[in-house]
Amino acid sequence: MDSTDDAGVVAPPASGQIHRFRRLIGTGAIAALATVVATTLAAALAQAVGVEFEVSAGETIPLSGFAVVTGFFSLVGVVIAAALLRWSARPAERFVQTAVTLTAISLVPPFLSEASTATAIALVGLHLVAATVMIPALARSLRTRTS
């Protein structure tokens, strides 16, 4: 953790912490890209089998929309993980707790929209695809190496 001098100023993170931060950012960027690809492919597959991603009267989510939103929220996850790495004594545990909670919350809106049941189920599935890729990748990167 950080050390505080007599004046109450927090010292910058040690070089080991900086290395872990860089590793987290690299892992997060790769996982975000993999998540965007996996989610967009899953959405394309859902469309191919007949799911229309119409969420309100005449408003349809394009494949590019899945890629952009998935990429954005994947990067939000990386920022949360980085903050926990910096300020939590148990960043991996806290990250998993936070990410699972946020994922559970994200499963509600598809059912509150005007979307068909097939669309709502597909959207929930896409959220779970993204979580399945991002959460384990970032949690592994947050764990302290003992060797």
N, C-alpha and C. Protein backbone atom coordinates (compact mmCIF):
# COMPACT_ATOMS: atom_id res chain seq x y z
N MET A 1 0.84 -1.19 0.00
CA MET A 1 0.00 0.00 0.00
C MET A 1 0.88 1.24 0.00
N ASP A 2 0.25 2.38 0.03
CA ASP A 2 0.99 3.64 0.02
C ASP A 2 1.49 3.97 1.41
N SER A 3 2.55 4.74 1.44
CA SER A 3 3.05 5.23 2.72
C SER A 3 2.74 6.71 2.81
N THR A 4 2.56 7.17 4.04
CA THR A 4 2.25 8.57 4.27
C THR A 4 3.38 9.18 5.07
N ASP A 5 3.87 10.34 4.64
CA ASP A 5 4.93 10.99 5.41
C ASP A 5 4.31 11.79 6.55
N ASP A 6 5.15 12.48 7.33
CA ASP A 6 4.68 13.21 8.51
C ASP A 6 3.72 14.34 8.15
N ALA A 7 3.79 14.85 6.96
CA ALA A 7 2.92 15.94 6.56
C ALA A 7 1.57 15.42 6.05
N GLY A 8 1.39 14.08 6.01
CA GLY A 8 0.13 13.52 5.56
C GLY A 8 0.03 13.36 4.05
N VAL A 9 1.15 13.51 3.37
CA VAL A 9 1.16 13.39 1.92
C VAL A 9 1.34 11.92 1.56
N VAL A 10 0.48 11.43 0.68
CA VAL A 10 0.57 10.03 0.27
C VAL A 10 1.66 9.89 -0.78
N ALA A 11 2.54 8.93 -0.54
CA ALA A 11 3.64 8.68 -1.48
C ALA A 11 3.10 8.00 -2.73
N PRO A 12 3.76 8.19 -3.87
CA PRO A 12 3.32 7.53 -5.09
C PRO A 12 3.48 6.02 -4.96
N PRO A 13 2.77 5.26 -5.80
CA PRO A 13 2.87 3.81 -5.72
C PRO A 13 4.28 3.33 -6.05
N ALA A 14 4.66 2.20 -5.44
CA ALA A 14 5.97 1.61 -5.68
C ALA A 14 6.04 1.06 -7.10
N SER A 15 7.26 0.76 -7.55
CA SER A 15 7.43 0.28 -8.92
C SER A 15 6.71 -1.03 -9.17
N GLY A 16 6.59 -1.91 -8.17
CA GLY A 16 5.84 -3.16 -8.32
C GLY A 16 4.38 -2.88 -8.60
N GLN A 17 3.84 -1.87 -7.94
CA GLN A 17 2.44 -1.47 -8.15
C GLN A 17 2.27 -0.91 -9.56
N ILE A 18 3.23 -0.16 -10.03
CA ILE A 18 3.16 0.39 -11.39
C ILE A 18 3.19 -0.74 -12.41
N HIS A 19 4.03 -1.75 -12.18
CA HIS A 19 4.09 -2.90 -13.08
C HIS A 19 2.74 -3.62 -13.11
N ARG A 20 2.11 -3.82 -11.95
CA ARG A 20 0.80 -4.47 -11.89
C ARG A 20 -0.25 -3.64 -12.61
N PHE A 21 -0.16 -2.31 -12.47
CA PHE A 21 -1.10 -1.41 -13.13
C PHE A 21 -0.97 -1.53 -14.65
N ARG A 22 0.26 -1.51 -15.13
CA ARG A 22 0.49 -1.63 -16.58
C ARG A 22 -0.01 -2.97 -17.11
N ARG A 23 0.26 -4.03 -16.34
CA ARG A 23 -0.21 -5.36 -16.74
C ARG A 23 -1.74 -5.38 -16.79
N LEU A 24 -2.38 -4.76 -15.81
CA LEU A 24 -3.84 -4.69 -15.77
C LEU A 24 -4.38 -3.95 -16.99
N ILE A 25 -3.77 -2.84 -17.33
CA ILE A 25 -4.23 -2.05 -18.48
C ILE A 25 -4.08 -2.86 -19.77
N GLY A 26 -2.94 -3.54 -19.93
CA GLY A 26 -2.73 -4.37 -21.11
C GLY A 26 -3.73 -5.51 -21.19
N THR A 27 -3.90 -6.21 -20.09
CA THR A 27 -4.88 -7.29 -20.04
C THR A 27 -6.28 -6.76 -20.31
N GLY A 28 -6.60 -5.63 -19.72
CA GLY A 28 -7.92 -5.03 -19.92
C GLY A 28 -8.18 -4.64 -21.35
N ALA A 29 -7.17 -4.09 -22.02
CA ALA A 29 -7.34 -3.69 -23.43
C ALA A 29 -7.57 -4.92 -24.31
N ILE A 30 -6.80 -5.97 -24.08
CA ILE A 30 -6.98 -7.20 -24.87
C ILE A 30 -8.33 -7.83 -24.57
N ALA A 31 -8.71 -7.88 -23.29
CA ALA A 31 -10.00 -8.46 -22.92
C ALA A 31 -11.15 -7.63 -23.48
N ALA A 32 -11.01 -6.30 -23.49
CA ALA A 32 -12.06 -5.45 -24.05
C ALA A 32 -12.23 -5.72 -25.53
N LEU A 33 -11.12 -5.86 -26.25
CA LEU A 33 -11.20 -6.17 -27.68
C LEU A 33 -11.86 -7.54 -27.90
N ALA A 34 -11.46 -8.53 -27.11
CA ALA A 34 -12.06 -9.86 -27.22
C ALA A 34 -13.55 -9.82 -26.89
N THR A 35 -13.92 -9.01 -25.91
CA THR A 35 -15.32 -8.87 -25.52
C THR A 35 -16.13 -8.22 -26.63
N VAL A 36 -15.59 -7.19 -27.25
CA VAL A 36 -16.29 -6.53 -28.36
C VAL A 36 -16.51 -7.53 -29.50
N VAL A 37 -15.49 -8.29 -29.83
CA VAL A 37 -15.60 -9.26 -30.92
C VAL A 37 -16.63 -10.34 -30.56
N ALA A 38 -16.52 -10.90 -29.36
CA ALA A 38 -17.42 -11.98 -28.94
C ALA A 38 -18.87 -11.51 -28.89
N THR A 39 -19.10 -10.35 -28.34
CA THR A 39 -20.47 -9.83 -28.21
C THR A 39 -21.05 -9.47 -29.57
N THR A 40 -20.26 -8.86 -30.42
CA THR A 40 -20.75 -8.49 -31.75
C THR A 40 -21.04 -9.74 -32.58
N LEU A 41 -20.17 -10.73 -32.50
CA LEU A 41 -20.43 -11.99 -33.21
C LEU A 41 -21.68 -12.69 -32.67
N ALA A 42 -21.86 -12.68 -31.37
CA ALA A 42 -23.05 -13.29 -30.78
C ALA A 42 -24.31 -12.55 -31.21
N ALA A 43 -24.24 -11.22 -31.28
CA ALA A 43 -25.38 -10.43 -31.75
C ALA A 43 -25.68 -10.74 -33.22
N ALA A 44 -24.62 -10.87 -34.03
CA ALA A 44 -24.80 -11.21 -35.44
C ALA A 44 -25.44 -12.59 -35.59
N LEU A 45 -25.00 -13.53 -34.78
CA LEU A 45 -25.58 -14.87 -34.78
C LEU A 45 -27.05 -14.83 -34.38
N ALA A 46 -27.37 -14.04 -33.36
CA ALA A 46 -28.76 -13.90 -32.93
C ALA A 46 -29.61 -13.32 -34.06
N GLN A 47 -29.07 -12.32 -34.75
CA GLN A 47 -29.79 -11.74 -35.89
C GLN A 47 -29.98 -12.77 -36.99
N ALA A 48 -28.98 -13.59 -37.23
CA ALA A 48 -29.04 -14.60 -38.29
C ALA A 48 -30.13 -15.64 -38.02
N VAL A 49 -30.42 -15.89 -36.74
CA VAL A 49 -31.46 -16.86 -36.42
C VAL A 49 -32.81 -16.19 -36.20
N GLY A 50 -32.89 -14.89 -36.49
CA GLY A 50 -34.19 -14.22 -36.49
C GLY A 50 -34.49 -13.25 -35.37
N VAL A 51 -33.55 -13.01 -34.47
CA VAL A 51 -33.79 -12.04 -33.40
C VAL A 51 -33.64 -10.64 -33.98
N GLU A 52 -34.69 -9.85 -33.79
CA GLU A 52 -34.62 -8.45 -34.21
C GLU A 52 -34.37 -7.62 -32.97
N PHE A 53 -33.34 -6.83 -32.98
CA PHE A 53 -32.98 -6.05 -31.80
C PHE A 53 -33.73 -4.72 -31.78
N GLU A 54 -35.06 -4.81 -31.91
CA GLU A 54 -35.91 -3.63 -31.82
C GLU A 54 -36.29 -3.45 -30.36
N VAL A 55 -35.85 -2.34 -29.77
CA VAL A 55 -36.07 -2.12 -28.35
C VAL A 55 -37.22 -1.18 -28.06
N SER A 56 -37.61 -0.39 -29.02
CA SER A 56 -38.80 0.44 -28.90
C SER A 56 -39.35 0.62 -30.31
N ALA A 57 -40.51 1.23 -30.43
CA ALA A 57 -41.19 1.35 -31.72
C ALA A 57 -40.25 1.86 -32.81
N GLY A 58 -39.84 0.96 -33.67
CA GLY A 58 -39.01 1.34 -34.81
C GLY A 58 -37.54 1.57 -34.50
N GLU A 59 -37.12 1.48 -33.29
CA GLU A 59 -35.72 1.71 -32.93
C GLU A 59 -35.00 0.38 -32.76
N THR A 60 -34.06 0.12 -33.68
CA THR A 60 -33.33 -1.14 -33.69
C THR A 60 -31.87 -0.88 -33.37
N ILE A 61 -31.27 -1.77 -32.58
CA ILE A 61 -29.85 -1.64 -32.24
C ILE A 61 -29.03 -2.24 -33.38
N PRO A 62 -28.15 -1.44 -34.02
CA PRO A 62 -27.29 -1.98 -35.08
C PRO A 62 -26.12 -2.75 -34.48
N LEU A 63 -25.50 -3.61 -35.27
CA LEU A 63 -24.34 -4.37 -34.78
C LEU A 63 -23.24 -3.44 -34.28
N SER A 64 -23.05 -2.34 -34.98
CA SER A 64 -22.01 -1.39 -34.54
C SER A 64 -22.34 -0.82 -33.17
N GLY A 65 -23.61 -0.71 -32.84
CA GLY A 65 -24.02 -0.23 -31.53
C GLY A 65 -23.59 -1.19 -30.42
N PHE A 66 -23.68 -2.49 -30.71
CA PHE A 66 -23.22 -3.47 -29.73
C PHE A 66 -21.72 -3.32 -29.49
N ALA A 67 -20.98 -3.14 -30.58
CA ALA A 67 -19.52 -3.02 -30.46
C ALA A 67 -19.14 -1.78 -29.65
N VAL A 68 -19.76 -0.65 -29.94
CA VAL A 68 -19.41 0.60 -29.27
C VAL A 68 -19.77 0.54 -27.78
N VAL A 69 -20.97 0.12 -27.47
CA VAL A 69 -21.41 0.10 -26.07
C VAL A 69 -20.61 -0.94 -25.28
N THR A 70 -20.36 -2.09 -25.89
CA THR A 70 -19.56 -3.11 -25.22
C THR A 70 -18.15 -2.61 -24.95
N GLY A 71 -17.54 -1.97 -25.94
CA GLY A 71 -16.20 -1.43 -25.76
C GLY A 71 -16.16 -0.38 -24.67
N PHE A 72 -17.14 0.51 -24.65
CA PHE A 72 -17.18 1.57 -23.65
C PHE A 72 -17.27 0.98 -22.24
N PHE A 73 -18.24 0.09 -22.04
CA PHE A 73 -18.42 -0.45 -20.69
C PHE A 73 -17.31 -1.42 -20.28
N SER A 74 -16.66 -2.03 -21.25
CA SER A 74 -15.48 -2.85 -20.93
C SER A 74 -14.37 -1.96 -20.39
N LEU A 75 -14.19 -0.80 -21.00
CA LEU A 75 -13.17 0.13 -20.52
C LEU A 75 -13.54 0.73 -19.16
N VAL A 76 -14.84 0.92 -18.91
CA VAL A 76 -15.28 1.35 -17.58
C VAL A 76 -14.88 0.28 -16.56
N GLY A 77 -15.01 -0.98 -16.93
CA GLY A 77 -14.58 -2.07 -16.04
C GLY A 77 -13.10 -2.02 -15.75
N VAL A 78 -12.30 -1.68 -16.76
CA VAL A 78 -10.85 -1.56 -16.56
C VAL A 78 -10.55 -0.41 -15.60
N VAL A 79 -11.26 0.69 -15.73
CA VAL A 79 -11.06 1.83 -14.83
C VAL A 79 -11.43 1.44 -13.39
N ILE A 80 -12.53 0.73 -13.23
CA ILE A 80 -12.92 0.27 -11.89
C ILE A 80 -11.84 -0.65 -11.32
N ALA A 81 -11.35 -1.56 -12.15
CA ALA A 81 -10.31 -2.49 -11.70
C ALA A 81 -9.04 -1.72 -11.31
N ALA A 82 -8.67 -0.72 -12.10
CA ALA A 82 -7.47 0.07 -11.79
C ALA A 82 -7.65 0.84 -10.48
N ALA A 83 -8.83 1.38 -10.26
CA ALA A 83 -9.08 2.09 -9.01
C ALA A 83 -8.99 1.14 -7.82
N LEU A 84 -9.53 -0.05 -7.98
CA LEU A 84 -9.46 -1.02 -6.89
C LEU A 84 -8.03 -1.49 -6.66
N LEU A 85 -7.26 -1.63 -7.73
CA LEU A 85 -5.85 -2.01 -7.59
C LEU A 85 -5.12 -0.95 -6.77
N ARG A 86 -5.44 0.28 -7.01
CA ARG A 86 -4.78 1.40 -6.32
C ARG A 86 -5.21 1.55 -4.87
N TRP A 87 -6.53 1.37 -4.60
CA TRP A 87 -7.04 1.75 -3.30
C TRP A 87 -7.64 0.62 -2.46
N SER A 88 -7.63 -0.60 -2.94
CA SER A 88 -8.21 -1.69 -2.16
C SER A 88 -7.13 -2.67 -1.70
N ALA A 89 -7.30 -3.17 -0.51
CA ALA A 89 -6.37 -4.19 -0.01
C ALA A 89 -6.62 -5.54 -0.68
N ARG A 90 -7.84 -5.75 -1.17
CA ARG A 90 -8.21 -6.99 -1.85
C ARG A 90 -8.89 -6.66 -3.18
N PRO A 91 -8.12 -6.17 -4.15
CA PRO A 91 -8.72 -5.67 -5.38
C PRO A 91 -9.46 -6.74 -6.20
N ALA A 92 -8.94 -7.95 -6.27
CA ALA A 92 -9.60 -8.99 -7.08
C ALA A 92 -10.97 -9.33 -6.51
N GLU A 93 -11.03 -9.52 -5.20
CA GLU A 93 -12.32 -9.85 -4.57
C GLU A 93 -13.32 -8.71 -4.74
N ARG A 94 -12.87 -7.51 -4.49
CA ARG A 94 -13.77 -6.35 -4.60
C ARG A 94 -14.22 -6.15 -6.05
N PHE A 95 -13.31 -6.38 -6.99
CA PHE A 95 -13.68 -6.23 -8.39
C PHE A 95 -14.75 -7.24 -8.78
N VAL A 96 -14.57 -8.49 -8.41
CA VAL A 96 -15.56 -9.52 -8.75
C VAL A 96 -16.91 -9.17 -8.12
N GLN A 97 -16.91 -8.76 -6.86
CA GLN A 97 -18.17 -8.38 -6.20
C GLN A 97 -18.85 -7.23 -6.95
N THR A 98 -18.07 -6.22 -7.30
CA THR A 98 -18.62 -5.05 -7.98
C THR A 98 -19.11 -5.41 -9.38
N ALA A 99 -18.29 -6.15 -10.12
CA ALA A 99 -18.65 -6.49 -11.50
C ALA A 99 -19.86 -7.41 -11.57
N VAL A 100 -19.95 -8.37 -10.68
CA VAL A 100 -21.11 -9.27 -10.68
C VAL A 100 -22.37 -8.49 -10.32
N THR A 101 -22.27 -7.59 -9.36
CA THR A 101 -23.42 -6.76 -9.00
C THR A 101 -23.86 -5.89 -10.17
N LEU A 102 -22.91 -5.23 -10.82
CA LEU A 102 -23.25 -4.39 -11.97
C LEU A 102 -23.82 -5.21 -13.12
N THR A 103 -23.29 -6.42 -13.32
CA THR A 103 -23.82 -7.29 -14.36
C THR A 103 -25.27 -7.66 -14.04
N ALA A 104 -25.54 -8.02 -12.80
CA ALA A 104 -26.90 -8.38 -12.40
C ALA A 104 -27.86 -7.20 -12.64
N ILE A 105 -27.43 -6.01 -12.30
CA ILE A 105 -28.25 -4.82 -12.54
C ILE A 105 -28.49 -4.62 -14.04
N SER A 106 -27.47 -4.90 -14.85
CA SER A 106 -27.60 -4.69 -16.30
C SER A 106 -28.58 -5.67 -16.96
N LEU A 107 -28.94 -6.74 -16.25
CA LEU A 107 -29.86 -7.72 -16.82
C LEU A 107 -31.32 -7.28 -16.72
N VAL A 108 -31.60 -6.24 -15.97
CA VAL A 108 -32.97 -5.79 -15.76
C VAL A 108 -33.52 -4.95 -16.93
N PRO A 109 -32.81 -3.93 -17.43
CA PRO A 109 -33.38 -3.06 -18.46
C PRO A 109 -33.92 -3.76 -19.72
N PRO A 110 -33.30 -4.83 -20.21
CA PRO A 110 -33.90 -5.46 -21.39
C PRO A 110 -35.36 -5.88 -21.18
N PHE A 111 -35.71 -6.25 -19.96
CA PHE A 111 -37.08 -6.67 -19.69
C PHE A 111 -38.02 -5.50 -19.44
N LEU A 112 -37.45 -4.32 -19.21
CA LEU A 112 -38.27 -3.13 -18.98
C LEU A 112 -38.54 -2.37 -20.28
N SER A 113 -37.79 -2.71 -21.32
CA SER A 113 -37.99 -2.03 -22.61
C SER A 113 -39.20 -2.63 -23.32
N GLU A 114 -39.52 -2.07 -24.45
CA GLU A 114 -40.64 -2.55 -25.25
C GLU A 114 -40.21 -3.71 -26.16
N ALA A 115 -39.06 -4.27 -25.91
CA ALA A 115 -38.51 -5.32 -26.76
C ALA A 115 -39.32 -6.61 -26.62
N SER A 116 -39.28 -7.41 -27.68
CA SER A 116 -39.92 -8.72 -27.63
C SER A 116 -39.18 -9.61 -26.63
N THR A 117 -39.81 -10.69 -26.27
CA THR A 117 -39.18 -11.62 -25.33
C THR A 117 -37.88 -12.16 -25.91
N ALA A 118 -37.87 -12.50 -27.20
CA ALA A 118 -36.65 -13.02 -27.84
C ALA A 118 -35.53 -11.99 -27.80
N THR A 119 -35.87 -10.74 -28.04
CA THR A 119 -34.87 -9.67 -28.01
C THR A 119 -34.34 -9.48 -26.59
N ALA A 120 -35.23 -9.45 -25.61
CA ALA A 120 -34.81 -9.27 -24.21
C ALA A 120 -33.89 -10.41 -23.78
N ILE A 121 -34.24 -11.64 -24.13
CA ILE A 121 -33.41 -12.79 -23.76
C ILE A 121 -32.06 -12.71 -24.46
N ALA A 122 -32.06 -12.32 -25.73
CA ALA A 122 -30.80 -12.18 -26.46
C ALA A 122 -29.92 -11.09 -25.84
N LEU A 123 -30.53 -9.98 -25.45
CA LEU A 123 -29.76 -8.90 -24.82
C LEU A 123 -29.16 -9.35 -23.49
N VAL A 124 -29.93 -10.09 -22.71
CA VAL A 124 -29.41 -10.63 -21.45
C VAL A 124 -28.24 -11.56 -21.75
N GLY A 125 -28.39 -12.40 -22.76
CA GLY A 125 -27.30 -13.31 -23.15
C GLY A 125 -26.05 -12.55 -23.55
N LEU A 126 -26.22 -11.44 -24.27
CA LEU A 126 -25.07 -10.64 -24.69
C LEU A 126 -24.37 -10.00 -23.48
N HIS A 127 -25.15 -9.57 -22.50
CA HIS A 127 -24.54 -9.02 -21.28
C HIS A 127 -23.72 -10.10 -20.58
N LEU A 128 -24.26 -11.32 -20.57
CA LEU A 128 -23.54 -12.41 -19.91
C LEU A 128 -22.29 -12.82 -20.69
N VAL A 129 -22.34 -12.73 -22.02
CA VAL A 129 -21.14 -13.00 -22.83
C VAL A 129 -20.04 -12.00 -22.46
N ALA A 130 -20.40 -10.73 -22.41
CA ALA A 130 -19.41 -9.70 -22.07
C ALA A 130 -18.83 -9.92 -20.68
N ALA A 131 -19.70 -10.22 -19.72
CA ALA A 131 -19.24 -10.44 -18.34
C ALA A 131 -18.35 -11.67 -18.25
N THR A 132 -18.67 -12.70 -19.03
CA THR A 132 -17.90 -13.94 -19.00
C THR A 132 -16.48 -13.74 -19.52
N VAL A 133 -16.30 -12.80 -20.41
CA VAL A 133 -14.96 -12.52 -20.93
C VAL A 133 -14.21 -11.55 -20.02
N MET A 134 -14.85 -10.45 -19.65
CA MET A 134 -14.15 -9.37 -18.93
C MET A 134 -13.85 -9.69 -17.47
N ILE A 135 -14.83 -10.18 -16.74
CA ILE A 135 -14.65 -10.34 -15.29
C ILE A 135 -13.49 -11.28 -14.95
N PRO A 136 -13.44 -12.49 -15.52
CA PRO A 136 -12.31 -13.37 -15.15
C PRO A 136 -10.95 -12.81 -15.58
N ALA A 137 -10.90 -12.17 -16.75
CA ALA A 137 -9.62 -11.64 -17.23
C ALA A 137 -9.09 -10.57 -16.29
N LEU A 138 -9.94 -9.65 -15.89
CA LEU A 138 -9.50 -8.58 -14.99
C LEU A 138 -9.24 -9.10 -13.58
N ALA A 139 -10.06 -10.03 -13.12
CA ALA A 139 -9.85 -10.58 -11.77
C ALA A 139 -8.51 -11.30 -11.69
N ARG A 140 -8.17 -12.08 -12.73
CA ARG A 140 -6.86 -12.76 -12.74
C ARG A 140 -5.73 -11.75 -12.70
N SER A 141 -5.88 -10.68 -13.44
CA SER A 141 -4.83 -9.67 -13.50
C SER A 141 -4.69 -8.92 -12.16
N LEU A 142 -5.74 -8.87 -11.39
CA LEU A 142 -5.70 -8.17 -10.10
C LEU A 142 -5.12 -9.02 -8.98
N ARG A 143 -5.09 -10.31 -9.17
CA ARG A 143 -4.57 -11.19 -8.12
C ARG A 143 -3.08 -10.97 -7.95
N THR A 144 -2.61 -11.00 -6.73
CA THR A 144 -1.20 -10.82 -6.44
C THR A 144 -0.43 -12.07 -6.83
N ARG A 145 0.66 -11.90 -7.50
CA ARG A 145 1.53 -13.01 -7.86
C ARG A 145 2.36 -13.37 -6.63
N THR A 146 2.37 -14.65 -6.28
CA THR A 146 3.14 -15.07 -5.10
C THR A 146 4.48 -15.64 -5.47
N SER A 147 4.73 -15.89 -6.75
CA SER A 147 6.02 -16.47 -7.15
C SER A 147 6.93 -15.45 -7.77
